[in-house]
C-alpha cells in the first residue's frame, strides 16, 4: 500500500517535496513512479525511478525541474518539484511498476499498480 503526502498550495516558481511511503518488505524490488491528474484531464506520467535508485526518467514537461529519488531503508520515494508552474497543479499519485521493461518504457505502460490516494498540488500564478 502506498501513501502520498506533501502536497499543498505554492506560488509559481516555488518548490514542494512529495513523499510516498510504502508498506511491505518488497518495496526495494520495485521500480516506482509518480503520475498526476489535473481536473478534466487524463492521468499522465511524471517521473520514474528504478529499484536501486540508479536510473531515473522524466516526462519532458518536468525534466530539469523535478527530481525523483528513493530511500529503500525508509520504504519511501520522493518527488522534489522546483520552479513550479500553474500547469503543474494536479493530484499527484505514486505507483509501483509491475512490468518487465525499462523505466523509460514504463512511462507509457499500463503495468502500474498499488496506487496511493494522491496528494493535491495547487500552484498560484
PDB file of N, CA and C in Angstrom:
ATOM      1  N   UNK A   1       0.841  -1.188   0.000  1.00  0.00           N
ATOM      2  CA  UNK A   1       0.000   0.000   0.000  1.00  0.00           C
ATOM      3  C   UNK A   1       0.883   1.247   0.000  1.00  0.00           C
ATOM      4  N   UNK A   2       0.468   2.241  -0.766  1.00  0.00           N
ATOM      5  CA  UNK A   2       1.254   3.463  -0.904  1.00  0.00           C
ATOM      6  C   UNK A   2       0.478   4.656  -0.369  1.00  0.00           C
ATOM      7  N   UNK A   3       1.162   5.539   0.319  1.00  0.00           N
ATOM      8  CA  UNK A   3       0.549   6.733   0.895  1.00  0.00           C
ATOM      9  C   UNK A   3       1.351   7.944   0.478  1.00  0.00           C
ATOM     10  N   UNK A   4       0.740   8.801  -0.350  1.00  0.00           N
ATOM     11  CA  UNK A   4       1.403  10.019  -0.807  1.00  0.00           C
ATOM     12  C   UNK A   4       1.080  11.178   0.115  1.00  0.00           C
ATOM     13  N   UNK A   5       2.040  12.071   0.278  1.00  0.00           N
ATOM     14  CA  UNK A   5       1.846  13.255   1.111  1.00  0.00           C
ATOM     15  C   UNK A   5       2.767  14.366   0.629  1.00  0.00           C
ATOM     16  N   UNK A   6       2.570  15.551   1.189  1.00  0.00           N
ATOM     17  CA  UNK A   6       3.457  16.670   0.898  1.00  0.00           C
ATOM     18  C   UNK A   6       2.896  17.709  -0.041  1.00  0.00           C
ATOM     19  N   UNK A   7       1.703  17.478  -0.554  1.00  0.00           N
ATOM     20  CA  UNK A   7       1.103  18.466  -1.435  1.00  0.00           C
ATOM     21  C   UNK A   7       0.688  19.708  -0.677  1.00  0.00           C
ATOM     22  N   UNK A   8       0.292  20.721  -1.431  1.00  0.00           N
ATOM     23  CA  UNK A   8      -0.145  21.961  -0.815  1.00  0.00           C
ATOM     24  C   UNK A   8      -0.274  23.065  -1.831  1.00  0.00           C
ATOM     25  N   UNK A   9      -0.402  24.287  -1.307  1.00  0.00           N
ATOM     26  CA  UNK A   9      -0.523  25.476  -2.144  1.00  0.00           C
ATOM     27  C   UNK A   9       0.820  26.194  -2.180  1.00  0.00           C
ATOM     28  N   UNK A  10       1.281  26.509  -3.378  1.00  0.00           N
ATOM     29  CA  UNK A  10       2.561  27.183  -3.535  1.00  0.00           C
ATOM     30  C   UNK A  10       2.439  28.194  -4.668  1.00  0.00           C
ATOM     31  N   UNK A  11       3.209  29.256  -4.584  1.00  0.00           N
ATOM     32  CA  UNK A  11       3.226  30.243  -5.650  1.00  0.00           C
ATOM     33  C   UNK A  11       4.058  29.742  -6.826  1.00  0.00           C
ATOM     34  N   UNK A  12       3.739  30.231  -7.992  1.00  0.00           N
ATOM     35  CA  UNK A  12       4.530  29.889  -9.170  1.00  0.00           C
ATOM     36  C   UNK A  12       5.997  30.234  -8.907  1.00  0.00           C
ATOM     37  N   UNK A  13       6.873  29.318  -9.290  1.00  0.00           N
ATOM     38  CA  UNK A  13       8.290  29.489  -9.032  1.00  0.00           C
ATOM     39  C   UNK A  13       8.761  28.847  -7.747  1.00  0.00           C
ATOM     40  N   UNK A  14       7.804  28.416  -6.941  1.00  0.00           N
ATOM     41  CA  UNK A  14       8.142  27.814  -5.658  1.00  0.00           C
ATOM     42  C   UNK A  14       8.447  26.329  -5.775  1.00  0.00           C
ATOM     43  N   UNK A  15       8.626  25.703  -4.606  1.00  0.00           N
ATOM     44  CA  UNK A  15       9.021  24.302  -4.556  1.00  0.00           C
ATOM     45  C   UNK A  15       8.158  23.530  -3.567  1.00  0.00           C
ATOM     46  N   UNK A  16       8.030  22.248  -3.827  1.00  0.00           N
ATOM     47  CA  UNK A  16       7.389  21.310  -2.919  1.00  0.00           C
ATOM     48  C   UNK A  16       8.123  19.982  -3.028  1.00  0.00           C
ATOM     49  N   UNK A  17       8.094  19.218  -1.942  1.00  0.00           N
ATOM     50  CA  UNK A  17       8.619  17.865  -1.994  1.00  0.00           C
ATOM     51  C   UNK A  17       7.516  16.892  -1.589  1.00  0.00           C
ATOM     52  N   UNK A  18       7.182  16.006  -2.486  1.00  0.00           N
ATOM     53  CA  UNK A  18       6.197  14.979  -2.213  1.00  0.00           C
ATOM     54  C   UNK A  18       6.898  13.721  -1.712  1.00  0.00           C
ATOM     55  N   UNK A  19       6.203  13.018  -0.844  1.00  0.00           N
ATOM     56  CA  UNK A  19       6.700  11.740  -0.338  1.00  0.00           C
ATOM     57  C   UNK A  19       5.666  10.663  -0.589  1.00  0.00           C
ATOM     58  N   UNK A  20       6.146   9.455  -0.777  1.00  0.00           N
ATOM     59  CA  UNK A  20       5.264   8.300  -0.963  1.00  0.00           C
ATOM     60  C   UNK A  20       5.822   7.177  -0.106  1.00  0.00           C
ATOM     61  N   UNK A  21       5.117   6.875   0.969  1.00  0.00           N
ATOM     62  CA  UNK A  21       5.554   5.837   1.890  1.00  0.00           C
ATOM     63  C   UNK A  21       4.877   4.518   1.537  1.00  0.00           C
ATOM     64  N   UNK A  22       5.668   3.468   1.510  1.00  0.00           N
ATOM     65  CA  UNK A  22       5.150   2.145   1.145  1.00  0.00           C
ATOM     66  C   UNK A  22       5.202   1.203   2.335  1.00  0.00           C
ATOM     67  N   UNK A  23       4.216   0.380   2.425  1.00  0.00           N
ATOM     68  CA  UNK A  23       4.229  -0.672   3.436  1.00  0.00           C
ATOM     69  C   UNK A  23       4.627  -1.978   2.747  1.00  0.00           C
ATOM     70  N   UNK A  24       5.234  -2.860   3.472  1.00  0.00           N
ATOM     71  CA  UNK A  24       5.646  -4.123   2.872  1.00  0.00           C
ATOM     72  C   UNK A  24       7.133  -4.168   2.602  1.00  0.00           C
ATOM     73  N   UNK A  25       7.683  -5.356   2.668  1.00  0.00           N
ATOM     74  CA  UNK A  25       9.130  -5.512   2.547  1.00  0.00           C
ATOM     75  C   UNK A  25       9.601  -5.595   1.107  1.00  0.00           C
ATOM     76  N   UNK A  26       8.685  -5.635   0.144  1.00  0.00           N
ATOM     77  CA  UNK A  26       9.087  -5.783  -1.259  1.00  0.00           C
ATOM     78  C   UNK A  26       9.345  -4.464  -1.952  1.00  0.00           C
ATOM     79  N   UNK A  27       9.203  -3.354  -1.233  1.00  0.00           N
ATOM     80  CA  UNK A  27       9.330  -2.033  -1.852  1.00  0.00           C
ATOM     81  C   UNK A  27      10.617  -1.899  -2.655  1.00  0.00           C
ATOM     82  N   UNK A  28      11.719  -2.335  -2.086  1.00  0.00           N
ATOM     83  CA  UNK A  28      13.024  -2.118  -2.707  1.00  0.00           C
ATOM     84  C   UNK A  28      13.220  -2.925  -3.985  1.00  0.00           C
ATOM     85  N   UNK A  29      12.303  -3.819  -4.287  1.00  0.00           N
ATOM     86  CA  UNK A  29      12.427  -4.620  -5.503  1.00  0.00           C
ATOM     87  C   UNK A  29      11.661  -4.039  -6.679  1.00  0.00           C
ATOM     88  N   UNK A  30      10.902  -2.977  -6.435  1.00  0.00           N
ATOM     89  CA  UNK A  30      10.053  -2.405  -7.485  1.00  0.00           C
ATOM     90  C   UNK A  30      10.569  -1.068  -7.997  1.00  0.00           C
ATOM     91  N   UNK A  31      10.455  -0.891  -9.303  1.00  0.00           N
ATOM     92  CA  UNK A  31      10.580   0.448  -9.863  1.00  0.00           C
ATOM     93  C   UNK A  31       9.350   1.234  -9.439  1.00  0.00           C
ATOM     94  N   UNK A  32       9.519   2.521  -9.207  1.00  0.00           N
ATOM     95  CA  UNK A  32       8.433   3.345  -8.705  1.00  0.00           C
ATOM     96  C   UNK A  32       8.239   4.565  -9.588  1.00  0.00           C
ATOM     97  N   UNK A  33       7.039   5.140  -9.528  1.00  0.00           N
ATOM     98  CA  UNK A  33       6.787   6.300 -10.370  1.00  0.00           C
ATOM     99  C   UNK A  33       5.795   7.265  -9.768  1.00  0.00           C
ATOM    100  N   UNK A  34       5.781   8.458 -10.312  1.00  0.00           N
ATOM    101  CA  UNK A  34       4.812   9.494  -9.968  1.00  0.00           C
ATOM    102  C   UNK A  34       3.999   9.829 -11.215  1.00  0.00           C
ATOM    103  N   UNK A  35       2.730  10.002 -11.013  1.00  0.00           N
ATOM    104  CA  UNK A  35       1.804  10.428 -12.046  1.00  0.00           C
ATOM    105  C   UNK A  35       1.001  11.611 -11.507  1.00  0.00           C
ATOM    106  N   UNK A  36       0.305  12.304 -12.396  1.00  0.00           N
ATOM    107  CA  UNK A  36      -0.554  13.389 -11.938  1.00  0.00           C
ATOM    108  C   UNK A  36      -1.797  13.467 -12.811  1.00  0.00           C
ATOM    109  N   UNK A  37      -2.834  14.012 -12.230  1.00  0.00           N
ATOM    110  CA  UNK A  37      -4.082  14.180 -12.961  1.00  0.00           C
ATOM    111  C   UNK A  37      -4.702  15.514 -12.599  1.00  0.00           C
ATOM    112  N   UNK A  38      -4.843  16.361 -13.601  1.00  0.00           N
ATOM    113  CA  UNK A  38      -5.490  17.664 -13.423  1.00  0.00           C
ATOM    114  C   UNK A  38      -6.975  17.526 -13.745  1.00  0.00           C
ATOM    115  N   UNK A  39      -7.806  18.410 -13.228  1.00  0.00           N
ATOM    116  CA  UNK A  39      -9.251  18.327 -13.485  1.00  0.00           C
ATOM    117  C   UNK A  39      -9.554  18.321 -14.977  1.00  0.00           C
ATOM    118  N   UNK A  40     -10.379  17.365 -15.399  1.00  0.00           N
ATOM    119  CA  UNK A  40     -10.776  17.289 -16.793  1.00  0.00           C
ATOM    120  C   UNK A  40      -9.737  16.703 -17.723  1.00  0.00           C
ATOM    121  N   UNK A  41      -8.616  16.257 -17.161  1.00  0.00           N
ATOM    122  CA  UNK A  41      -7.558  15.696 -17.998  1.00  0.00           C
ATOM    123  C   UNK A  41      -7.274  14.256 -17.586  1.00  0.00           C
ATOM    124  N   UNK A  42      -6.631  13.530 -18.480  1.00  0.00           N
ATOM    125  CA  UNK A  42      -6.238  12.165 -18.169  1.00  0.00           C
ATOM    126  C   UNK A  42      -5.007  12.162 -17.269  1.00  0.00           C
ATOM    127  N   UNK A  43      -4.859  11.082 -16.542  1.00  0.00           N
ATOM    128  CA  UNK A  43      -3.675  10.922 -15.713  1.00  0.00           C
ATOM    129  C   UNK A  43      -2.449  10.834 -16.615  1.00  0.00           C
ATOM    130  N   UNK A  44      -1.377  11.502 -16.224  1.00  0.00           N
ATOM    131  CA  UNK A  44      -0.175  11.487 -17.043  1.00  0.00           C
ATOM    132  C   UNK A  44       1.050  11.123 -16.220  1.00  0.00           C
ATOM    133  N   UNK A  45       1.989  10.503 -16.904  1.00  0.00           N
ATOM    134  CA  UNK A  45       3.251  10.117 -16.297  1.00  0.00           C
ATOM    135  C   UNK A  45       4.080  11.360 -15.972  1.00  0.00           C
ATOM    136  N   UNK A  46       4.758  11.337 -14.815  1.00  0.00           N
ATOM    137  CA  UNK A  46       5.626  12.446 -14.421  1.00  0.00           C
ATOM    138  C   UNK A  46       7.086  11.994 -14.342  1.00  0.00           C
ATOM    139  N   UNK A  47       7.337  10.949 -13.558  1.00  0.00           N
ATOM    140  CA  UNK A  47       8.718  10.516 -13.355  1.00  0.00           C
ATOM    141  C   UNK A  47       8.736   9.081 -12.845  1.00  0.00           C
ATOM    142  N   UNK A  48       9.859   8.405 -13.093  1.00  0.00           N
ATOM    143  CA  UNK A  48      10.033   7.041 -12.607  1.00  0.00           C
ATOM    144  C   UNK A  48      11.467   6.838 -12.156  1.00  0.00           C
ATOM    145  N   UNK A  49      11.636   5.880 -11.250  1.00  0.00           N
ATOM    146  CA  UNK A  49      12.955   5.548 -10.732  1.00  0.00           C
ATOM    147  C   UNK A  49      13.054   4.039 -10.613  1.00  0.00           C
ATOM    148  N   UNK A  50      14.217   3.493 -10.941  1.00  0.00           N
ATOM    149  CA  UNK A  50      14.335   2.048 -10.874  1.00  0.00           C
ATOM    150  C   UNK A  50      14.514   1.593  -9.425  1.00  0.00           C
ATOM    151  N   UNK A  51      14.538   0.299  -9.218  1.00  0.00           N
ATOM    152  CA  UNK A  51      14.500  -0.255  -7.864  1.00  0.00           C
ATOM    153  C   UNK A  51      15.669   0.209  -6.995  1.00  0.00           C
ATOM    154  N   UNK A  52      16.833   0.402  -7.600  1.00  0.00           N
ATOM    155  CA  UNK A  52      18.013   0.770  -6.820  1.00  0.00           C
ATOM    156  C   UNK A  52      18.184   2.278  -6.669  1.00  0.00           C
ATOM    157  N   UNK A  53      17.447   3.029  -7.470  1.00  0.00           N
ATOM    158  CA  UNK A  53      17.629   4.474  -7.472  1.00  0.00           C
ATOM    159  C   UNK A  53      18.698   4.945  -8.442  1.00  0.00           C
ATOM    160  N   UNK A  54      19.283   4.026  -9.159  1.00  0.00           N
ATOM    161  CA  UNK A  54      20.376   4.386 -10.045  1.00  0.00           C
ATOM    162  C   UNK A  54      19.959   4.891 -11.412  1.00  0.00           C
ATOM    163  N   UNK A  55      18.680   4.776 -11.722  1.00  0.00           N
ATOM    164  CA  UNK A  55      18.190   5.215 -13.025  1.00  0.00           C
ATOM    165  C   UNK A  55      16.863   5.934 -12.860  1.00  0.00           C
ATOM    166  N   UNK A  56      16.734   7.062 -13.536  1.00  0.00           N
ATOM    167  CA  UNK A  56      15.500   7.850 -13.472  1.00  0.00           C
ATOM    168  C   UNK A  56      15.067   8.245 -14.878  1.00  0.00           C
ATOM    169  N   UNK A  57      13.801   8.585 -14.995  1.00  0.00           N
ATOM    170  CA  UNK A  57      13.259   9.029 -16.281  1.00  0.00           C
ATOM    171  C   UNK A  57      12.145  10.015 -16.009  1.00  0.00           C
ATOM    172  N   UNK A  58      12.066  11.065 -16.840  1.00  0.00           N
ATOM    173  CA  UNK A  58      11.099  12.146 -16.607  1.00  0.00           C
ATOM    174  C   UNK A  58      10.296  12.452 -17.857  1.00  0.00           C
ATOM    175  N   UNK A  59       9.099  12.924 -17.631  1.00  0.00           N
ATOM    176  CA  UNK A  59       8.324  13.498 -18.715  1.00  0.00           C
ATOM    177  C   UNK A  59       9.016  14.785 -19.162  1.00  0.00           C
ATOM    178  N   UNK A  60       8.900  15.094 -20.433  1.00  0.00           N
ATOM    179  CA  UNK A  60       9.544  16.293 -20.969  1.00  0.00           C
ATOM    180  C   UNK A  60       9.087  17.544 -20.234  1.00  0.00           C
ATOM    181  N   UNK A  61       7.841  17.554 -19.805  1.00  0.00           N
ATOM    182  CA  UNK A  61       7.272  18.750 -19.186  1.00  0.00           C
ATOM    183  C   UNK A  61       7.881  19.076 -17.831  1.00  0.00           C
ATOM    184  N   UNK A  62       8.538  18.106 -17.191  1.00  0.00           N
ATOM    185  CA  UNK A  62       9.106  18.339 -15.867  1.00  0.00           C
ATOM    186  C   UNK A  62      10.615  18.156 -15.833  1.00  0.00           C
ATOM    187  N   UNK A  63      11.192  17.677 -16.923  1.00  0.00           N
ATOM    188  CA  UNK A  63      12.644  17.446 -16.992  1.00  0.00           C
ATOM    189  C   UNK A  63      13.396  18.723 -16.612  1.00  0.00           C
ATOM    190  N   UNK A  64      14.347  18.594 -15.704  1.00  0.00           N
ATOM    191  CA  UNK A  64      15.135  19.738 -15.286  1.00  0.00           C
ATOM    192  C   UNK A  64      14.546  20.521 -14.120  1.00  0.00           C
ATOM    193  N   UNK A  65      13.282  20.268 -13.802  1.00  0.00           N
ATOM    194  CA  UNK A  65      12.633  20.973 -12.682  1.00  0.00           C
ATOM    195  C   UNK A  65      12.291  20.015 -11.541  1.00  0.00           C
ATOM    196  N   UNK A  66      11.950  18.790 -11.864  1.00  0.00           N
ATOM    197  CA  UNK A  66      11.572  17.798 -10.863  1.00  0.00           C
ATOM    198  C   UNK A  66      12.683  16.767 -10.717  1.00  0.00           C
ATOM    199  N   UNK A  67      12.802  16.229  -9.499  1.00  0.00           N
ATOM    200  CA  UNK A  67      13.773  15.169  -9.234  1.00  0.00           C
ATOM    201  C   UNK A  67      13.101  14.061  -8.434  1.00  0.00           C
ATOM    202  N   UNK A  68      13.158  12.852  -8.954  1.00  0.00           N
ATOM    203  CA  UNK A  68      12.632  11.699  -8.233  1.00  0.00           C
ATOM    204  C   UNK A  68      13.796  10.992  -7.540  1.00  0.00           C
ATOM    205  N   UNK A  69      13.555  10.545  -6.325  1.00  0.00           N
ATOM    206  CA  UNK A  69      14.579   9.814  -5.578  1.00  0.00           C
ATOM    207  C   UNK A  69      13.878   8.815  -4.666  1.00  0.00           C
ATOM    208  N   UNK A  70      14.660   7.953  -4.041  1.00  0.00           N
ATOM    209  CA  UNK A  70      14.072   6.970  -3.146  1.00  0.00           C
ATOM    210  C   UNK A  70      15.044   6.627  -2.035  1.00  0.00           C
ATOM    211  N   UNK A  71      14.484   6.214  -0.923  1.00  0.00           N
ATOM    212  CA  UNK A  71      15.255   5.726   0.212  1.00  0.00           C
ATOM    213  C   UNK A  71      14.674   4.363   0.564  1.00  0.00           C
ATOM    214  N   UNK A  72      15.326   3.319   0.117  1.00  0.00           N
ATOM    215  CA  UNK A  72      14.784   1.974   0.333  1.00  0.00           C
ATOM    216  C   UNK A  72      14.791   1.579   1.812  1.00  0.00           C
ATOM    217  N   UNK A  73      15.677   2.163   2.577  1.00  0.00           N
ATOM    218  CA  UNK A  73      15.701   1.871   4.010  1.00  0.00           C
ATOM    219  C   UNK A  73      14.456   2.418   4.705  1.00  0.00           C
ATOM    220  N   UNK A  74      13.887   3.467   4.126  1.00  0.00           N
ATOM    221  CA  UNK A  74      12.682   4.079   4.688  1.00  0.00           C
ATOM    222  C   UNK A  74      11.429   3.716   3.894  1.00  0.00           C
ATOM    223  N   UNK A  75      11.579   2.870   2.886  1.00  0.00           N
ATOM    224  CA  UNK A  75      10.431   2.484   2.052  1.00  0.00           C
ATOM    225  C   UNK A  75       9.700   3.707   1.503  1.00  0.00           C
ATOM    226  N   UNK A  76      10.460   4.673   1.040  1.00  0.00           N
ATOM    227  CA  UNK A  76       9.858   5.933   0.608  1.00  0.00           C
ATOM    228  C   UNK A  76      10.459   6.395  -0.713  1.00  0.00           C
ATOM    229  N   UNK A  77       9.601   6.920  -1.570  1.00  0.00           N
ATOM    230  CA  UNK A  77      10.039   7.564  -2.805  1.00  0.00           C
ATOM    231  C   UNK A  77       9.616   9.032  -2.744  1.00  0.00           C
ATOM    232  N   UNK A  78      10.450   9.890  -3.279  1.00  0.00           N
ATOM    233  CA  UNK A  78      10.227  11.336  -3.195  1.00  0.00           C
ATOM    234  C   UNK A  78      10.112  11.951  -4.582  1.00  0.00           C
ATOM    235  N   UNK A  79       9.466  13.108  -4.621  1.00  0.00           N
ATOM    236  CA  UNK A  79       9.445  13.913  -5.832  1.00  0.00           C
ATOM    237  C   UNK A  79       9.698  15.355  -5.421  1.00  0.00           C
ATOM    238  N   UNK A  80      10.899  15.830  -5.691  1.00  0.00           N
ATOM    239  CA  UNK A  80      11.241  17.225  -5.433  1.00  0.00           C
ATOM    240  C   UNK A  80      10.824  18.043  -6.641  1.00  0.00           C
ATOM    241  N   UNK A  81       9.953  19.020  -6.421  1.00  0.00           N
ATOM    242  CA  UNK A  81       9.418  19.827  -7.505  1.00  0.00           C
ATOM    243  C   UNK A  81       9.863  21.267  -7.327  1.00  0.00           C
ATOM    244  N   UNK A  82      10.647  21.758  -8.246  1.00  0.00           N
ATOM    245  CA  UNK A  82      11.140  23.132  -8.218  1.00  0.00           C
ATOM    246  C   UNK A  82      10.584  23.919  -9.402  1.00  0.00           C
ATOM    247  N   UNK A  83      10.665  25.221  -9.305  1.00  0.00           N
ATOM    248  CA  UNK A  83      10.203  26.110 -10.384  1.00  0.00           C
ATOM    249  C   UNK A  83       8.799  25.725 -10.842  1.00  0.00           C
ATOM    250  N   UNK A  84       7.922  25.560  -9.876  1.00  0.00           N
ATOM    251  CA  UNK A  84       6.575  25.107 -10.196  1.00  0.00           C
ATOM    252  C   UNK A  84       5.822  26.132 -11.031  1.00  0.00           C
ATOM    253  N   UNK A  85       5.004  25.597 -11.931  1.00  0.00           N
ATOM    254  CA  UNK A  85       4.196  26.405 -12.832  1.00  0.00           C
ATOM    255  C   UNK A  85       2.715  26.120 -12.574  1.00  0.00           C
ATOM    256  N   UNK A  86       1.846  27.043 -12.917  1.00  0.00           N
ATOM    257  CA  UNK A  86       0.411  26.778 -12.734  1.00  0.00           C
ATOM    258  C   UNK A  86      -0.044  25.485 -13.417  1.00  0.00           C
ATOM    259  N   UNK A  87       0.567  25.141 -14.528  1.00  0.00           N
ATOM    260  CA  UNK A  87       0.171  23.915 -15.239  1.00  0.00           C
ATOM    261  C   UNK A  87       0.636  22.641 -14.540  1.00  0.00           C
ATOM    262  N   UNK A  88       1.429  22.771 -13.476  1.00  0.00           N
ATOM    263  CA  UNK A  88       1.813  21.609 -12.672  1.00  0.00           C
ATOM    264  C   UNK A  88       0.737  21.240 -11.651  1.00  0.00           C
ATOM    265  N   UNK A  89      -0.244  22.089 -11.476  1.00  0.00           N
ATOM    266  CA  UNK A  89      -1.294  21.834 -10.498  1.00  0.00           C
ATOM    267  C   UNK A  89      -2.081  20.583 -10.874  1.00  0.00           C
ATOM    268  N   UNK A  90      -2.215  19.687  -9.919  1.00  0.00           N
ATOM    269  CA  UNK A  90      -2.884  18.410 -10.170  1.00  0.00           C
ATOM    270  C   UNK A  90      -2.897  17.612  -8.871  1.00  0.00           C
ATOM    271  N   UNK A  91      -3.580  16.484  -8.919  1.00  0.00           N
ATOM    272  CA  UNK A  91      -3.432  15.487  -7.852  1.00  0.00           C
ATOM    273  C   UNK A  91      -2.293  14.568  -8.286  1.00  0.00           C
ATOM    274  N   UNK A  92      -1.329  14.405  -7.415  1.00  0.00           N
ATOM    275  CA  UNK A  92      -0.162  13.588  -7.714  1.00  0.00           C
ATOM    276  C   UNK A  92      -0.301  12.229  -7.032  1.00  0.00           C
ATOM    277  N   UNK A  93      -0.011  11.187  -7.803  1.00  0.00           N
ATOM    278  CA  UNK A  93      -0.114   9.821  -7.324  1.00  0.00           C
ATOM    279  C   UNK A  93       1.220   9.094  -7.476  1.00  0.00           C
ATOM    280  N   UNK A  94       1.503   8.216  -6.536  1.00  0.00           N
ATOM    281  CA  UNK A  94       2.651   7.335  -6.704  1.00  0.00           C
ATOM    282  C   UNK A  94       2.131   5.928  -6.995  1.00  0.00           C
ATOM    283  N   UNK A  95       2.973   5.149  -7.631  1.00  0.00           N
ATOM    284  CA  UNK A  95       2.584   3.798  -8.003  1.00  0.00           C
ATOM    285  C   UNK A  95       3.832   2.932  -8.162  1.00  0.00           C
ATOM    286  N   UNK A  96       3.615   1.647  -8.127  1.00  0.00           N
ATOM    287  CA  UNK A  96       4.679   0.675  -8.323  1.00  0.00           C
ATOM    288  C   UNK A  96       4.559   0.090  -9.728  1.00  0.00           C
ATOM    289  N   UNK A  97       5.712  -0.141 -10.351  1.00  0.00           N
ATOM    290  CA  UNK A  97       5.720  -0.684 -11.707  1.00  0.00           C
ATOM    291  C   UNK A  97       5.833  -2.198 -11.641  1.00  0.00           C
ATOM    292  N   UNK A  98       4.881  -2.872 -12.272  1.00  0.00           N
ATOM    293  CA  UNK A  98       4.854  -4.320 -12.255  1.00  0.00           C
ATOM    294  C   UNK A  98       5.263  -4.944 -13.585  1.00  0.00           C
ATOM    295  N   UNK A  99       5.683  -4.103 -14.512  1.00  0.00           N
ATOM    296  CA  UNK A  99       6.078  -4.627 -15.814  1.00  0.00           C
ATOM    297  C   UNK A  99       7.521  -5.084 -15.831  1.00  0.00           C
ATOM    298  N   UNK A 100       7.984  -5.471 -17.021  1.00  0.00           N
ATOM    299  CA  UNK A 100       9.328  -6.012 -17.171  1.00  0.00           C
ATOM    300  C   UNK A 100      10.252  -5.094 -17.957  1.00  0.00           C
ATOM    301  N   UNK A 101       9.740  -4.011 -18.472  1.00  0.00           N
ATOM    302  CA  UNK A 101      10.555  -3.148 -19.306  1.00  0.00           C
ATOM    303  C   UNK A 101      11.366  -2.159 -18.500  1.00  0.00           C
ATOM    304  N   UNK A 102      12.122  -1.341 -19.208  1.00  0.00           N
ATOM    305  CA  UNK A 102      12.901  -0.294 -18.564  1.00  0.00           C
ATOM    306  C   UNK A 102      11.960   0.777 -18.024  1.00  0.00           C
ATOM    307  N   UNK A 103      12.474   1.669 -17.183  1.00  0.00           N
ATOM    308  CA  UNK A 103      11.615   2.729 -16.668  1.00  0.00           C
ATOM    309  C   UNK A 103      11.220   3.697 -17.772  1.00  0.00           C
ATOM    310  N   UNK A 104      12.015   3.780 -18.829  1.00  0.00           N
ATOM    311  CA  UNK A 104      11.624   4.620 -19.960  1.00  0.00           C
ATOM    312  C   UNK A 104      10.392   4.023 -20.644  1.00  0.00           C
ATOM    313  N   UNK A 105      10.392   2.731 -20.846  1.00  0.00           N
ATOM    314  CA  UNK A 105       9.230   2.101 -21.456  1.00  0.00           C
ATOM    315  C   UNK A 105       8.058   2.074 -20.481  1.00  0.00           C
ATOM    316  N   UNK A 106       8.356   2.093 -19.192  1.00  0.00           N
ATOM    317  CA  UNK A 106       7.297   2.092 -18.189  1.00  0.00           C
ATOM    318  C   UNK A 106       6.446   3.355 -18.267  1.00  0.00           C
ATOM    319  N   UNK A 107       7.035   4.432 -18.757  1.00  0.00           N
ATOM    320  CA  UNK A 107       6.307   5.697 -18.836  1.00  0.00           C
ATOM    321  C   UNK A 107       5.028   5.577 -19.655  1.00  0.00           C
ATOM    322  N   UNK A 108       5.013   4.696 -20.636  1.00  0.00           N
ATOM    323  CA  UNK A 108       3.834   4.525 -21.484  1.00  0.00           C
ATOM    324  C   UNK A 108       3.151   3.182 -21.257  1.00  0.00           C
ATOM    325  N   UNK A 109       3.568   2.489 -20.224  1.00  0.00           N
ATOM    326  CA  UNK A 109       2.993   1.175 -19.918  1.00  0.00           C
ATOM    327  C   UNK A 109       1.763   1.311 -19.040  1.00  0.00           C
ATOM    328  N   UNK A 110       0.933   0.289 -19.062  1.00  0.00           N
ATOM    329  CA  UNK A 110      -0.218   0.237 -18.158  1.00  0.00           C
ATOM    330  C   UNK A 110       0.052  -0.678 -16.976  1.00  0.00           C
ATOM    331  N   UNK A 111       1.274  -1.206 -16.875  1.00  0.00           N
ATOM    332  CA  UNK A 111       1.613  -2.160 -15.815  1.00  0.00           C
ATOM    333  C   UNK A 111       2.010  -1.464 -14.519  1.00  0.00           C
ATOM    334  N   UNK A 112       1.169  -0.545 -14.090  1.00  0.00           N
ATOM    335  CA  UNK A 112       1.380   0.148 -12.825  1.00  0.00           C
ATOM    336  C   UNK A 112       0.263  -0.220 -11.866  1.00  0.00           C
ATOM    337  N   UNK A 113       0.599  -0.289 -10.573  1.00  0.00           N
ATOM    338  CA  UNK A 113      -0.424  -0.649  -9.606  1.00  0.00           C
ATOM    339  C   UNK A 113      -0.091  -0.142  -8.223  1.00  0.00           C
ATOM    340  N   UNK A 114      -0.894  -0.588  -7.269  1.00  0.00           N
ATOM    341  CA  UNK A 114      -0.757  -0.176  -5.870  1.00  0.00           C
ATOM    342  C   UNK A 114      -0.829   1.329  -5.730  1.00  0.00           C
ATOM    343  N   UNK A 115      -1.728   1.939  -6.464  1.00  0.00           N
ATOM    344  CA  UNK A 115      -1.841   3.398  -6.470  1.00  0.00           C
ATOM    345  C   UNK A 115      -2.145   3.933  -5.076  1.00  0.00           C
ATOM    346  N   UNK A 116      -1.421   5.004  -4.710  1.00  0.00           N
ATOM    347  CA  UNK A 116      -1.726   5.681  -3.464  1.00  0.00           C
ATOM    348  C   UNK A 116      -2.953   6.551  -3.626  1.00  0.00           C
ATOM    349  N   UNK A 117      -3.345   7.221  -2.570  1.00  0.00           N
ATOM    350  CA  UNK A 117      -4.577   8.003  -2.593  1.00  0.00           C
ATOM    351  C   UNK A 117      -4.407   9.361  -3.243  1.00  0.00           C
ATOM    352  N   UNK A 118      -3.205   9.790  -3.510  1.00  0.00           N
ATOM    353  CA  UNK A 118      -2.979  11.064  -4.173  1.00  0.00           C
ATOM    354  C   UNK A 118      -2.820  12.216  -3.199  1.00  0.00           C
ATOM    355  N   UNK A 119      -2.082  13.216  -3.625  1.00  0.00           N
ATOM    356  CA  UNK A 119      -1.909  14.434  -2.837  1.00  0.00           C
ATOM    357  C   UNK A 119      -2.055  15.632  -3.765  1.00  0.00           C
ATOM    358  N   UNK A 120      -2.807  16.624  -3.323  1.00  0.00           N
ATOM    359  CA  UNK A 120      -3.149  17.763  -4.170  1.00  0.00           C
ATOM    360  C   UNK A 120      -2.027  18.793  -4.189  1.00  0.00           C
ATOM    361  N   UNK A 121      -1.661  19.215  -5.370  1.00  0.00           N
ATOM    362  CA  UNK A 121      -0.699  20.301  -5.548  1.00  0.00           C
ATOM    363  C   UNK A 121      -1.412  21.442  -6.269  1.00  0.00           C
ATOM    364  N   UNK A 122      -1.391  22.609  -5.660  1.00  0.00           N
ATOM    365  CA  UNK A 122      -2.018  23.787  -6.244  1.00  0.00           C
ATOM    366  C   UNK A 122      -0.949  24.857  -6.413  1.00  0.00           C
ATOM    367  N   UNK A 123      -0.875  25.429  -7.604  1.00  0.00           N
ATOM    368  CA  UNK A 123       0.134  26.436  -7.900  1.00  0.00           C
ATOM    369  C   UNK A 123      -0.572  27.720  -8.303  1.00  0.00           C
ATOM    370  N   UNK A 124      -0.348  28.774  -7.532  1.00  0.00           N
ATOM    371  CA  UNK A 124      -0.983  30.055  -7.834  1.00  0.00           C
ATOM    372  C   UNK A 124      -0.067  30.899  -8.713  1.00  0.00           C
ATOM    373  N   UNK A 125      -0.665  31.636  -9.618  1.00  0.00           N
ATOM    374  CA  UNK A 125       0.128  32.463 -10.546  1.00  0.00           C
ATOM    375  C   UNK A 125       0.306  33.870 -10.016  1.00  0.00           C
TER     376      UNK A 125
END
